[in-house]
Amino acid sequence: MKPRMNYDYTLQKNVRGKPYITVSAKGIANGLSDIPNDGADFGPDTPVTYTSGILEAVNYQQQNGGEIKLLPGRFIISPNAPLTQVSSSNILGYLEYAVIPLSGQAIVNNTPNNVLSFNISGVAGDINSGGEGVNNNINIWNNNTTTIIDVSGLNNLPSNASVVLFGYNRMNLPSGTTVSEIINMHNFVIFTAQPTASGQNICGGYDFNTSWDANVTNVTVYSPNNFFSTVFPAKYVIGQVIDAEYGGMCWVDNIASYAMYIGFILEVHTHAGNVITQSCYYGLIPYGDHGVDIGRYDTQGCIYPVYALPNLAGPLQINLIEGEDYSAVSSSGNQEVADIYISSGTPNAPAYIIVNNFHMEYSNGTPNPRFPVISNNSTGNWPIIIKNIGTQAPAVSGTTAGTVQPTVLEYSVNASGLLSSVYKKMMFIFSGYENNTTTNQTIPYPSNGAPHNNQLTFTATPVITANNTGLTITPSTTGITITAPNSTTTYSGIVIVEGY
C-alpha cells in the first residue's frame, strides 16, 4: 500500500508548462487513493472543491489554455455544489444556471477578440447498456475504465430555470458582446438524475449556443429512466446544445441524449455523424439558419423525434432516420405524435426537411415497421421530403389469384394550401394477378394502423406514370382500381402512381 501523504497545496502551481491538465476522480478525500488526487493535477483533494476538481481545472484551463484530461472514474458533483446564473434568457427563453460556467468573450461588436478554446476529454464516453433501452443501474459502466460526471445528486435546483453542467456565462457583459469559444469535448458521460414525478427539474448536459467552432464526439447525457414508461423531466431540461454560429465548422458524432425533455438543439453549420435520442420529449430541435445535416439519426420512444420551429431558416437534411416508436396500441408508455412535426407559424426564410432513408418500427403491434407520420402546421412554404421508406404494406390478394404489393417510394408534404412541392410516389407490384369475375378490385394506398391511423393519400387525383402489367388501372386520391379482366389470364409487372 502506498504511504499516505499530506496534501501539497502547491501541487496546482506545477501545472503550468505541462502539455495537458489531468483531473482524477480518486483521492484521499474519498478514500480511493493514498496520494492527493491520485497524482493528478486536480481532483477530490483540490481545496474547497464541489466538483471533484473539474471546475477548478476548467478555470485554470480558461486562463492558461491547454487540454483537460479527465481520467477514468466517477466524478461526483456535490449535492450542494453552487450554481452560477449564466443567462436571463437562454435559447428557449428560460433562466439558465450552470455548475461549471465558461466566460469566453470572442466577439465584441462583431469583431473577433480573444477566441478562447475549451478542450476537455475523458475515456470511453460512448455507452452501451447491453442492447436497446435504458438500464437503471449506473454500474453498467466500469468506473475504472469510463469517465462519468455524476450530477444526479444535485439538490435545490430552481424550479423554473434550465440547469446544465457546462454553459457560457452571458451575464453582466458589455453591450455588443457575444459569448463564444471553440468547443472540443470528447469521451465522457454526464449522468443525471431520474425524475420521480413528471415535471421535476434535473440538471441537463451543456449549452454552447453561439459557439465559434465545435468538435464533440462520444458524449452522452443520460437519465436512467425506464424506456417504456419514461417520467419526463421539467420543460427546462436540455441535453445538448451546440453549433458553430461564427466559425462555421461544427462536427459532432456518437452523441446521445437519454430521457431529457429536449435531447438536442443542433444549430447553424452543424454536421453530424451519429446522433441518438431515446425517451426524450423533444428528440431533436433544429435551429437557426445555414442548415443542419445528420448522417444517422437513431430515435426511440420520443414524443417528437424532430420538432421544427418557425425560426429554422435553413435546411435539415438527414440521411437515415432509424428508430422505434413506442406508441403501439398495447404500449402504456410514450405516445409519439409525429416523426416530423412543424410547429405553427411562418418560417423566416425558405426552409425544408429532407430524409433520404426512413425506417421506424413499432415496439409491438402492426404495422412493424411502419410508414412516416408527418404533421405540418406551418402557414409558409415548407416542404418535407422522405425517400426510400423502409417498410411495406401487407400484400393484397387478387380477386381470384395472385397478389398486389403496395410500396411507397417517396412521401413529401408541404404547408396547407401550397401544393407545388407536395409529392408522393407509390409502386404496386403485381405477381400472378388474376380476376376471373366482372367486379373491379380497388386497392387502397398504404396506411398505418392505430394509434396514428394515417393514410398516404393524395390531395388531387394522381397519374399513372408506368404500367407494364397489361391491366387497365385507374388511380384516385385514395387508391387504384383494377378493371376486371373477367378471364383466367394472370398478370405480373409494376404500376407506378405519383402526384400530390
Protein backbone atom coordinates (compact mmCIF):
# COMPACT_ATOMS: atom_id res chain seq x y z
CA MET A 1 0.00 0.00 0.00
CA LYS A 2 1.26 3.47 -0.85
CA PRO A 3 2.15 5.61 2.19
CA ARG A 4 -0.29 8.37 2.99
CA MET A 5 0.89 11.90 2.27
CA ASN A 6 -0.32 15.26 3.44
CA TYR A 7 -1.92 17.22 0.62
CA ASP A 8 0.56 19.59 -1.01
CA TYR A 9 -1.37 22.77 -1.78
CA THR A 10 1.36 23.84 -4.20
CA LEU A 11 0.52 20.90 -6.48
CA GLN A 12 -1.66 23.02 -8.79
CA LYS A 13 1.17 25.53 -9.21
CA ASN A 14 3.12 22.86 -11.02
CA VAL A 15 0.51 22.51 -13.79
CA ARG A 16 1.91 25.38 -15.84
CA GLY A 17 4.07 24.18 -18.72
CA LYS A 18 2.57 20.69 -18.91
CA PRO A 19 1.07 19.62 -22.26
CA TYR A 20 -2.28 18.88 -20.58
CA ILE A 21 -4.13 19.16 -17.28
CA THR A 22 -5.15 15.97 -15.51
CA VAL A 23 -8.18 15.54 -13.27
CA SER A 24 -8.76 12.37 -11.24
CA ALA A 25 -11.92 11.07 -9.61
CA LYS A 26 -9.78 9.40 -6.95
CA GLY A 27 -8.13 10.96 -3.97
CA ILE A 28 -7.55 10.94 -0.23
CA ALA A 29 -10.82 12.80 0.40
CA ASN A 30 -12.99 9.99 -0.99
CA GLY A 31 -10.76 7.15 0.20
CA LEU A 32 -9.89 5.95 -3.28
CA SER A 33 -6.20 6.81 -3.18
CA ASP A 34 -3.37 7.27 -0.69
CA ILE A 35 -1.92 10.27 -2.50
CA PRO A 36 -3.56 13.61 -3.32
CA ASN A 37 -5.78 13.34 -6.39
CA ASP A 38 -4.11 10.01 -7.14
CA GLY A 39 -1.23 12.00 -8.61
CA ALA A 40 -3.33 14.18 -10.94
CA ASP A 41 -3.29 17.97 -11.05
CA PHE A 42 -6.86 18.34 -9.81
CA GLY A 43 -9.39 16.05 -8.17
CA PRO A 44 -11.38 15.45 -4.97
CA ASP A 45 -8.48 16.77 -2.87
CA THR A 46 -8.48 20.15 -4.62
CA PRO A 47 -9.19 22.70 -1.87
CA VAL A 48 -12.86 23.62 -1.39
CA THR A 49 -13.98 21.74 -4.48
CA TYR A 50 -17.60 20.72 -5.03
CA THR A 51 -16.92 19.19 -8.45
CA SER A 52 -14.11 16.66 -7.84
CA GLY A 53 -11.73 19.31 -9.16
CA ILE A 54 -13.38 19.79 -12.57
CA LEU A 55 -14.47 23.41 -12.01
CA GLU A 56 -11.01 24.34 -10.78
CA ALA A 57 -9.37 22.62 -13.75
CA VAL A 58 -11.69 24.44 -16.15
CA ASN A 59 -10.97 27.80 -14.51
CA TYR A 60 -7.26 27.11 -14.85
CA GLN A 61 -7.60 26.00 -18.46
CA GLN A 62 -9.65 29.07 -19.39
CA GLN A 63 -6.92 31.32 -18.03
CA ASN A 64 -3.87 29.42 -19.24
CA GLY A 65 -5.01 27.26 -22.18
CA GLY A 66 -4.16 23.61 -22.68
CA GLU A 67 -6.27 20.46 -22.64
CA ILE A 68 -8.11 18.93 -19.70
CA LYS A 69 -7.85 15.17 -19.47
CA LEU A 70 -10.46 13.57 -17.22
CA LEU A 71 -9.10 10.22 -16.07
CA PRO A 72 -11.36 7.15 -15.88
CA GLY A 73 -13.66 7.20 -12.87
CA ARG A 74 -16.87 8.61 -11.46
CA PHE A 75 -16.61 12.35 -10.78
CA ILE A 76 -19.34 13.06 -8.24
CA ILE A 77 -20.70 16.61 -8.23
CA SER A 78 -21.59 17.52 -4.65
CA PRO A 79 -25.33 17.79 -3.90
CA ASN A 80 -24.78 21.35 -2.65
CA ALA A 81 -22.48 22.46 -5.48
CA PRO A 82 -23.03 26.18 -6.14
CA LEU A 83 -24.91 27.12 -9.30
CA THR A 84 -23.99 30.19 -11.33
CA GLN A 85 -26.69 32.05 -13.23
CA VAL A 86 -25.35 32.26 -16.77
CA SER A 87 -28.33 33.65 -18.68
CA SER A 88 -31.52 35.57 -18.01
CA SER A 89 -32.98 34.15 -21.24
CA ASN A 90 -31.37 31.14 -22.91
CA ILE A 91 -32.11 29.87 -26.42
CA LEU A 92 -35.60 28.79 -25.30
CA GLY A 93 -36.26 31.94 -23.28
CA TYR A 94 -35.61 30.47 -19.82
CA LEU A 95 -33.32 31.46 -16.99
CA GLU A 96 -30.23 29.28 -17.06
CA TYR A 97 -27.72 28.18 -14.44
CA ALA A 98 -24.51 26.19 -14.84
CA VAL A 99 -22.46 24.11 -12.45
CA ILE A 100 -19.35 24.91 -14.48
CA PRO A 101 -19.65 28.25 -16.32
CA LEU A 102 -17.35 29.32 -19.15
CA SER A 103 -16.76 33.01 -19.67
CA GLY A 104 -15.01 33.30 -23.01
CA GLN A 105 -15.73 36.54 -24.86
CA ALA A 106 -14.87 36.08 -28.50
CA ILE A 107 -16.88 38.70 -30.34
CA VAL A 108 -17.32 42.36 -29.43
CA ASN A 109 -19.39 44.44 -31.84
CA ASN A 110 -18.93 41.72 -34.48
CA THR A 111 -15.14 41.84 -34.17
CA PRO A 112 -13.26 38.67 -33.14
CA ASN A 113 -11.36 39.21 -29.93
CA ASN A 114 -9.53 36.60 -27.86
CA VAL A 115 -11.24 33.47 -29.17
CA LEU A 116 -10.77 31.02 -26.32
CA SER A 117 -10.84 27.24 -26.64
CA PHE A 118 -12.50 24.84 -24.21
CA ASN A 119 -10.72 21.49 -24.54
CA ILE A 120 -11.84 18.60 -22.35
CA SER A 121 -11.83 14.85 -22.89
CA GLY A 122 -12.28 11.67 -20.92
CA VAL A 123 -12.17 7.97 -21.66
CA ALA A 124 -14.79 5.81 -23.45
CA GLY A 125 -17.66 8.27 -23.27
CA ASP A 126 -19.92 6.33 -25.64
CA ILE A 127 -22.22 4.00 -23.74
CA ASN A 128 -23.62 0.54 -24.40
CA SER A 129 -26.27 -0.67 -21.99
CA GLY A 130 -26.28 -4.17 -23.41
CA GLY A 131 -28.92 -3.56 -26.05
CA GLU A 132 -31.74 -1.16 -26.81
CA GLY A 133 -33.35 0.52 -23.87
CA VAL A 134 -32.13 2.29 -20.79
CA ASN A 135 -30.72 0.45 -17.80
CA ASN A 136 -31.39 1.97 -14.38
CA ASN A 137 -28.03 0.89 -12.99
CA ILE A 138 -25.03 3.20 -13.39
CA ASN A 139 -22.81 0.19 -12.79
CA ILE A 140 -23.39 -0.83 -16.41
CA TRP A 141 -20.22 1.21 -16.86
CA ASN A 142 -16.96 0.20 -15.29
CA ASN A 143 -15.96 3.17 -13.18
CA ASN A 144 -12.32 2.27 -13.66
CA THR A 145 -12.42 2.42 -17.47
CA THR A 146 -15.07 5.06 -18.20
CA THR A 147 -15.24 8.78 -17.42
CA ILE A 148 -18.55 9.61 -15.73
CA ILE A 149 -19.51 13.07 -14.46
CA ASP A 150 -22.32 12.37 -12.00
CA VAL A 151 -24.70 15.31 -11.44
CA SER A 152 -27.56 13.11 -10.24
CA GLY A 153 -27.24 14.20 -6.61
CA LEU A 154 -27.62 17.96 -7.14
CA ASN A 155 -30.13 19.45 -4.67
CA ASN A 156 -32.11 22.67 -4.53
CA LEU A 157 -32.37 23.21 -8.26
CA PRO A 158 -34.54 26.18 -9.26
CA SER A 159 -37.98 25.07 -10.35
CA ASN A 160 -38.33 27.48 -13.28
CA ALA A 161 -34.93 27.51 -14.98
CA SER A 162 -32.61 25.38 -17.06
CA VAL A 163 -29.62 23.90 -15.22
CA VAL A 164 -26.70 22.49 -17.19
CA LEU A 165 -23.31 21.09 -16.26
CA PHE A 166 -21.42 23.30 -18.75
CA GLY A 167 -22.66 26.61 -20.12
CA TYR A 168 -21.50 30.01 -21.35
CA ASN A 169 -21.77 32.80 -18.78
CA ARG A 170 -23.72 35.52 -20.56
CA MET A 171 -24.45 37.68 -17.53
CA ASN A 172 -23.21 41.25 -16.97
CA LEU A 173 -21.40 41.56 -20.29
CA PRO A 174 -20.57 44.84 -22.02
CA SER A 175 -23.00 45.92 -24.69
CA GLY A 176 -22.37 44.27 -28.04
CA THR A 177 -20.53 41.28 -26.59
CA THR A 178 -21.41 37.76 -27.72
CA VAL A 179 -20.02 34.84 -25.74
CA SER A 180 -18.29 32.31 -27.94
CA GLU A 181 -15.47 29.78 -27.81
CA ILE A 182 -14.04 26.91 -29.76
CA ILE A 183 -15.52 23.81 -28.12
CA ASN A 184 -13.73 20.46 -28.06
CA MET A 185 -15.36 17.77 -25.92
CA HIS A 186 -14.80 14.03 -26.19
CA ASN A 187 -15.38 10.70 -24.47
CA PHE A 188 -17.40 11.11 -21.29
CA VAL A 189 -20.86 10.54 -19.83
CA ILE A 190 -22.91 13.12 -17.95
CA PHE A 191 -25.04 11.04 -15.59
CA THR A 192 -28.16 12.92 -14.49
CA ALA A 193 -30.96 12.26 -12.03
CA GLN A 194 -34.05 10.16 -12.66
CA PRO A 195 -37.20 12.24 -12.04
CA THR A 196 -39.62 10.69 -9.59
CA ALA A 197 -42.51 12.83 -10.88
CA SER A 198 -43.30 14.41 -14.22
CA GLY A 199 -42.01 17.98 -14.40
CA GLN A 200 -39.31 17.57 -11.77
CA ASN A 201 -36.30 19.71 -12.61
CA ILE A 202 -32.93 18.00 -13.01
CA CYS A 203 -29.51 19.03 -14.28
CA GLY A 204 -29.02 18.60 -18.01
CA GLY A 205 -25.89 18.44 -20.13
CA TYR A 206 -24.43 21.53 -21.78
CA ASP A 207 -25.48 24.70 -23.60
CA PHE A 208 -22.92 26.16 -26.00
CA ASN A 209 -25.27 28.17 -28.20
CA THR A 210 -23.22 30.59 -30.39
CA SER A 211 -20.03 28.54 -30.35
CA TRP A 212 -17.23 29.68 -32.66
CA ASP A 213 -16.26 26.22 -33.90
CA ALA A 214 -17.03 22.87 -32.26
CA ASN A 215 -15.91 19.25 -32.29
CA VAL A 216 -17.91 16.98 -29.98
CA THR A 217 -17.65 13.18 -30.08
CA ASN A 218 -18.68 10.32 -27.80
CA VAL A 219 -20.54 12.49 -25.31
CA THR A 220 -23.68 11.09 -23.66
CA VAL A 221 -26.20 12.77 -21.37
CA TYR A 222 -28.01 10.01 -19.55
CA SER A 223 -31.01 9.91 -17.20
CA PRO A 224 -31.76 6.35 -16.06
CA ASN A 225 -35.47 6.25 -16.90
CA ASN A 226 -37.25 3.06 -17.87
CA PHE A 227 -37.57 3.46 -21.61
CA PHE A 228 -41.17 2.22 -21.89
CA SER A 229 -42.57 4.32 -19.03
CA THR A 230 -40.38 7.42 -19.06
CA VAL A 231 -41.15 10.10 -16.49
CA PHE A 232 -40.27 13.24 -18.44
CA PRO A 233 -38.39 15.92 -16.51
CA ALA A 234 -39.30 19.60 -16.48
CA LYS A 235 -39.58 21.51 -19.74
CA TYR A 236 -36.39 23.41 -18.88
CA VAL A 237 -34.13 20.34 -19.03
CA ILE A 238 -31.82 20.36 -22.07
CA GLY A 239 -29.45 17.58 -23.04
CA GLN A 240 -27.04 19.10 -25.57
CA VAL A 241 -26.89 22.44 -27.44
CA ILE A 242 -24.10 23.02 -29.97
CA ASP A 243 -23.38 24.93 -33.18
CA ALA A 244 -20.72 26.93 -34.99
CA GLU A 245 -22.51 30.24 -35.22
CA TYR A 246 -19.44 32.29 -36.10
CA GLY A 247 -16.60 29.98 -37.09
CA GLY A 248 -18.69 27.85 -39.42
CA MET A 249 -17.25 24.42 -38.55
CA CYS A 250 -19.18 22.16 -36.18
CA TRP A 251 -18.70 18.39 -36.26
CA VAL A 252 -20.45 16.05 -33.83
CA ASP A 253 -20.53 12.25 -33.81
CA ASN A 254 -21.69 9.46 -31.49
CA ILE A 255 -23.57 11.86 -29.26
CA ALA A 256 -26.55 10.61 -27.28
CA SER A 257 -29.26 12.04 -25.02
CA TYR A 258 -31.41 9.75 -22.89
CA ALA A 259 -34.66 10.79 -21.17
CA MET A 260 -34.17 14.55 -21.38
CA TYR A 261 -37.04 16.93 -22.02
CA ILE A 262 -35.09 18.22 -25.03
CA GLY A 263 -32.47 15.83 -26.30
CA PHE A 264 -30.64 18.07 -28.78
CA ILE A 265 -30.74 21.58 -30.13
CA LEU A 266 -28.44 21.48 -33.16
CA GLU A 267 -27.88 24.78 -34.88
CA VAL A 268 -26.08 26.53 -37.71
CA HIS A 269 -23.16 24.91 -39.54
CA THR A 270 -23.62 21.63 -37.67
CA HIS A 271 -22.60 18.43 -39.43
CA ALA A 272 -23.31 15.21 -37.55
CA GLY A 273 -22.37 11.59 -37.96
CA ASN A 274 -24.38 9.52 -35.48
CA VAL A 275 -26.98 11.21 -33.24
CA ILE A 276 -29.01 9.16 -30.73
CA THR A 277 -32.10 10.21 -28.78
CA GLN A 278 -34.07 7.90 -26.56
CA SER A 279 -37.14 8.62 -24.44
CA CYS A 280 -36.81 12.40 -24.85
CA TYR A 281 -39.92 14.55 -25.08
CA TYR A 282 -38.39 16.52 -27.95
CA GLY A 283 -35.66 14.43 -29.53
CA LEU A 284 -34.15 16.98 -31.94
CA ILE A 285 -34.87 20.67 -32.44
CA PRO A 286 -33.02 22.08 -35.49
CA TYR A 287 -32.47 25.79 -35.09
CA GLY A 288 -31.26 28.86 -36.94
CA ASP A 289 -30.02 29.30 -40.49
CA HIS A 290 -27.30 27.69 -42.63
CA GLY A 291 -28.75 24.25 -42.02
CA VAL A 292 -28.02 21.05 -40.13
CA ASP A 293 -27.12 17.73 -41.73
CA ILE A 294 -27.04 14.35 -39.98
CA GLY A 295 -25.76 11.02 -41.26
CA ARG A 296 -27.75 8.70 -38.99
CA TYR A 297 -30.43 9.81 -36.54
CA ASP A 298 -31.40 6.97 -34.20
CA THR A 299 -34.52 7.94 -32.28
CA GLN A 300 -36.53 5.74 -29.97
CA GLY A 301 -39.51 6.44 -27.75
CA CYS A 302 -39.57 10.23 -28.29
CA ILE A 303 -42.84 12.15 -28.35
CA TYR A 304 -41.49 14.44 -31.08
CA PRO A 305 -38.40 12.88 -32.73
CA VAL A 306 -37.97 16.01 -34.92
CA TYR A 307 -39.61 19.26 -33.86
CA ALA A 308 -39.03 22.29 -36.09
CA LEU A 309 -39.73 25.87 -35.03
CA PRO A 310 -40.60 28.72 -37.42
CA ASN A 311 -37.16 30.29 -36.92
CA LEU A 312 -35.47 27.38 -38.70
CA ALA A 313 -34.34 29.33 -41.74
CA GLY A 314 -32.18 26.69 -43.41
CA PRO A 315 -32.46 23.04 -44.38
CA LEU A 316 -32.41 19.99 -42.14
CA GLN A 317 -31.03 17.02 -44.06
CA ILE A 318 -30.95 13.53 -42.55
CA ASN A 319 -29.51 10.63 -44.50
CA LEU A 320 -31.21 7.99 -42.31
CA ILE A 321 -33.90 8.17 -39.64
CA GLU A 322 -33.93 4.87 -37.84
CA GLY A 323 -35.69 4.04 -34.63
CA GLU A 324 -38.57 2.63 -32.68
CA ASP A 325 -41.96 4.10 -31.89
CA TYR A 326 -43.35 3.03 -28.50
CA SER A 327 -46.87 4.28 -29.29
CA ALA A 328 -48.25 0.91 -30.33
CA VAL A 329 -51.75 0.24 -29.03
CA SER A 330 -50.56 -2.25 -26.41
CA SER A 331 -47.93 0.13 -25.03
CA SER A 332 -48.80 2.14 -21.95
CA GLY A 333 -45.68 4.29 -22.27
CA ASN A 334 -44.78 7.07 -24.66
CA GLN A 335 -47.24 8.11 -27.33
CA GLU A 336 -45.40 9.58 -30.28
CA VAL A 337 -47.18 12.46 -32.02
CA ALA A 338 -45.27 12.62 -35.32
CA ASP A 339 -41.86 11.67 -36.68
CA ILE A 340 -41.51 15.18 -38.10
CA TYR A 341 -43.58 17.94 -36.53
CA ILE A 342 -43.58 21.51 -37.88
CA SER A 343 -44.92 23.98 -35.35
CA SER A 344 -47.35 26.73 -36.32
CA GLY A 345 -46.11 29.97 -37.80
CA THR A 346 -44.33 31.15 -40.92
CA PRO A 347 -40.62 30.40 -41.42
CA ASN A 348 -38.25 33.37 -41.54
CA ALA A 349 -36.73 32.18 -44.81
CA PRO A 350 -37.09 29.18 -47.13
CA ALA A 351 -36.72 26.04 -45.03
CA TYR A 352 -37.08 22.40 -45.88
CA ILE A 353 -36.52 18.96 -44.39
CA ILE A 354 -35.15 16.06 -46.44
CA VAL A 355 -34.84 12.48 -45.20
CA ASN A 356 -33.14 10.19 -47.69
CA ASN A 357 -33.91 6.92 -45.85
CA PHE A 358 -36.59 6.16 -43.27
CA HIS A 359 -37.04 3.10 -41.07
CA MET A 360 -39.24 3.22 -37.99
CA GLU A 361 -40.73 0.30 -36.11
CA TYR A 362 -43.42 -0.18 -33.54
CA SER A 363 -42.15 -1.91 -30.44
CA ASN A 364 -45.16 -4.16 -30.85
CA GLY A 365 -48.38 -4.06 -32.82
CA THR A 366 -48.76 -3.58 -36.55
CA PRO A 367 -47.54 -2.45 -38.97
CA ASN A 368 -43.99 -3.12 -37.95
CA PRO A 369 -42.05 -1.37 -39.44
CA ARG A 370 -44.38 1.49 -40.24
CA PHE A 371 -44.74 4.46 -42.58
CA PRO A 372 -43.76 8.04 -41.68
CA VAL A 373 -46.03 10.30 -39.67
CA ILE A 374 -45.75 14.00 -40.56
CA SER A 375 -47.57 16.94 -39.02
CA ASN A 376 -47.02 20.22 -40.84
CA ASN A 377 -48.68 23.17 -39.11
CA SER A 378 -46.77 25.92 -40.90
CA THR A 379 -48.52 28.63 -42.90
CA GLY A 380 -45.47 29.13 -45.10
CA ASN A 381 -43.75 27.24 -47.87
CA TRP A 382 -42.03 24.41 -46.00
CA PRO A 383 -41.62 21.14 -47.90
CA ILE A 384 -40.83 17.87 -46.17
CA ILE A 385 -39.44 15.10 -48.36
CA ILE A 386 -38.94 11.50 -47.25
CA LYS A 387 -37.44 8.97 -49.66
CA ASN A 388 -36.65 5.25 -49.54
CA ILE A 389 -39.16 4.29 -46.86
CA GLY A 390 -38.06 1.01 -45.32
CA THR A 391 -41.42 -0.69 -44.89
CA GLN A 392 -44.11 -2.40 -46.91
CA ALA A 393 -47.83 -2.58 -46.53
CA PRO A 394 -49.32 -6.09 -46.38
CA ALA A 395 -49.77 -7.67 -49.82
CA VAL A 396 -53.32 -7.69 -51.17
CA SER A 397 -54.67 -10.91 -52.68
CA GLY A 398 -56.05 -10.78 -56.20
CA THR A 399 -59.77 -11.45 -56.56
CA THR A 400 -59.13 -14.96 -57.93
CA ALA A 401 -55.38 -15.49 -57.51
CA GLY A 402 -52.01 -13.77 -57.16
CA THR A 403 -51.03 -10.72 -55.11
CA VAL A 404 -50.52 -6.97 -55.34
CA GLN A 405 -47.78 -5.50 -53.13
CA PRO A 406 -48.07 -1.74 -52.39
CA THR A 407 -44.74 0.04 -51.83
CA VAL A 408 -44.02 3.68 -51.01
CA LEU A 409 -41.10 5.13 -52.96
CA GLU A 410 -41.32 8.74 -51.78
CA TYR A 411 -43.54 10.70 -49.43
CA SER A 412 -43.49 14.50 -49.33
CA VAL A 413 -45.80 17.08 -47.82
CA ASN A 414 -45.98 20.84 -47.57
CA ALA A 415 -47.94 23.51 -45.76
CA SER A 416 -51.70 23.53 -46.19
CA GLY A 417 -52.75 25.04 -49.49
CA LEU A 418 -49.29 25.05 -51.04
CA LEU A 419 -49.26 22.11 -53.41
CA SER A 420 -46.25 22.78 -55.63
CA SER A 421 -43.87 20.66 -53.57
CA VAL A 422 -46.35 18.11 -52.24
CA TYR A 423 -45.42 14.86 -53.88
CA LYS A 424 -45.95 11.14 -53.34
CA LYS A 425 -44.84 8.20 -55.38
CA MET A 426 -46.27 4.69 -54.96
CA MET A 427 -45.40 1.42 -56.66
CA PHE A 428 -47.67 -1.63 -56.87
CA ILE A 429 -46.04 -4.96 -57.71
CA PHE A 430 -48.36 -7.47 -59.41
CA SER A 431 -47.46 -11.16 -59.11
CA GLY A 432 -49.65 -13.69 -60.92
CA TYR A 433 -52.68 -11.45 -60.50
CA GLU A 434 -56.00 -12.97 -61.65
CA ASN A 435 -59.58 -11.70 -61.53
CA ASN A 436 -61.97 -14.12 -63.23
CA THR A 437 -65.06 -12.05 -62.34
CA THR A 438 -66.87 -8.98 -63.64
CA THR A 439 -66.22 -6.97 -60.46
CA ASN A 440 -63.44 -4.40 -60.36
CA GLN A 441 -60.95 -4.56 -57.48
CA THR A 442 -59.82 -1.46 -55.54
CA ILE A 443 -56.56 -1.41 -53.58
CA PRO A 444 -56.10 1.48 -51.11
CA TYR A 445 -52.86 3.36 -50.69
CA PRO A 446 -50.75 2.21 -47.72
CA SER A 447 -51.61 3.33 -44.20
CA ASN A 448 -50.66 2.92 -40.56
CA GLY A 449 -52.96 1.38 -38.01
CA ALA A 450 -53.84 2.76 -34.58
CA PRO A 451 -52.89 4.93 -32.86
CA HIS A 452 -51.58 7.02 -35.80
CA ASN A 453 -54.22 5.95 -38.33
CA ASN A 454 -52.62 7.95 -41.15
CA GLN A 455 -53.11 7.00 -44.78
CA LEU A 456 -50.72 8.10 -47.51
CA THR A 457 -53.43 9.56 -49.74
CA PHE A 458 -53.20 12.18 -52.48
CA THR A 459 -54.68 15.68 -52.35
CA ALA A 460 -55.55 15.65 -56.05
CA THR A 461 -56.05 12.74 -58.42
CA PRO A 462 -52.59 11.33 -59.23
CA VAL A 463 -51.36 9.96 -62.55
CA ILE A 464 -50.02 6.56 -63.56
CA THR A 465 -46.52 7.03 -64.94
CA ALA A 466 -45.68 3.36 -65.52
CA ASN A 467 -47.78 0.26 -66.14
CA ASN A 468 -46.39 -2.87 -67.77
CA THR A 469 -48.93 -5.30 -66.31
CA GLY A 470 -51.34 -5.33 -69.26
CA LEU A 471 -54.20 -4.38 -66.92
CA THR A 472 -56.43 -1.31 -67.13
CA ILE A 473 -55.91 0.65 -63.91
CA THR A 474 -57.46 3.93 -62.77
CA PRO A 475 -55.99 5.98 -59.89
CA SER A 476 -57.94 8.06 -57.36
CA THR A 477 -56.92 10.08 -54.32
CA THR A 478 -57.36 7.05 -52.04
CA GLY A 479 -56.31 4.06 -54.13
CA ILE A 480 -56.15 2.34 -57.51
CA THR A 481 -58.99 0.49 -59.21
CA ILE A 482 -58.24 -2.52 -61.44
CA THR A 483 -60.75 -3.06 -64.21
CA ALA A 484 -61.86 -6.69 -64.03
CA PRO A 485 -60.31 -8.71 -66.88
CA ASN A 486 -63.02 -11.38 -66.37
CA SER A 487 -60.59 -14.08 -67.55
CA THR A 488 -58.22 -16.73 -66.25
CA THR A 489 -55.20 -14.82 -67.55
CA THR A 490 -52.58 -13.99 -64.91
CA TYR A 491 -50.77 -10.65 -64.92
CA SER A 492 -47.43 -9.59 -63.49
CA GLY A 493 -45.49 -6.31 -63.53
CA ILE A 494 -45.45 -2.93 -61.82
CA VAL A 495 -47.65 0.15 -61.69
CA ILE A 496 -46.25 3.49 -60.53
CA VAL A 497 -48.62 6.21 -59.30
CA GLU A 498 -47.40 9.70 -58.46
CA GLY A 499 -48.72 13.16 -57.87
CA TYR A 500 -49.71 15.39 -54.98
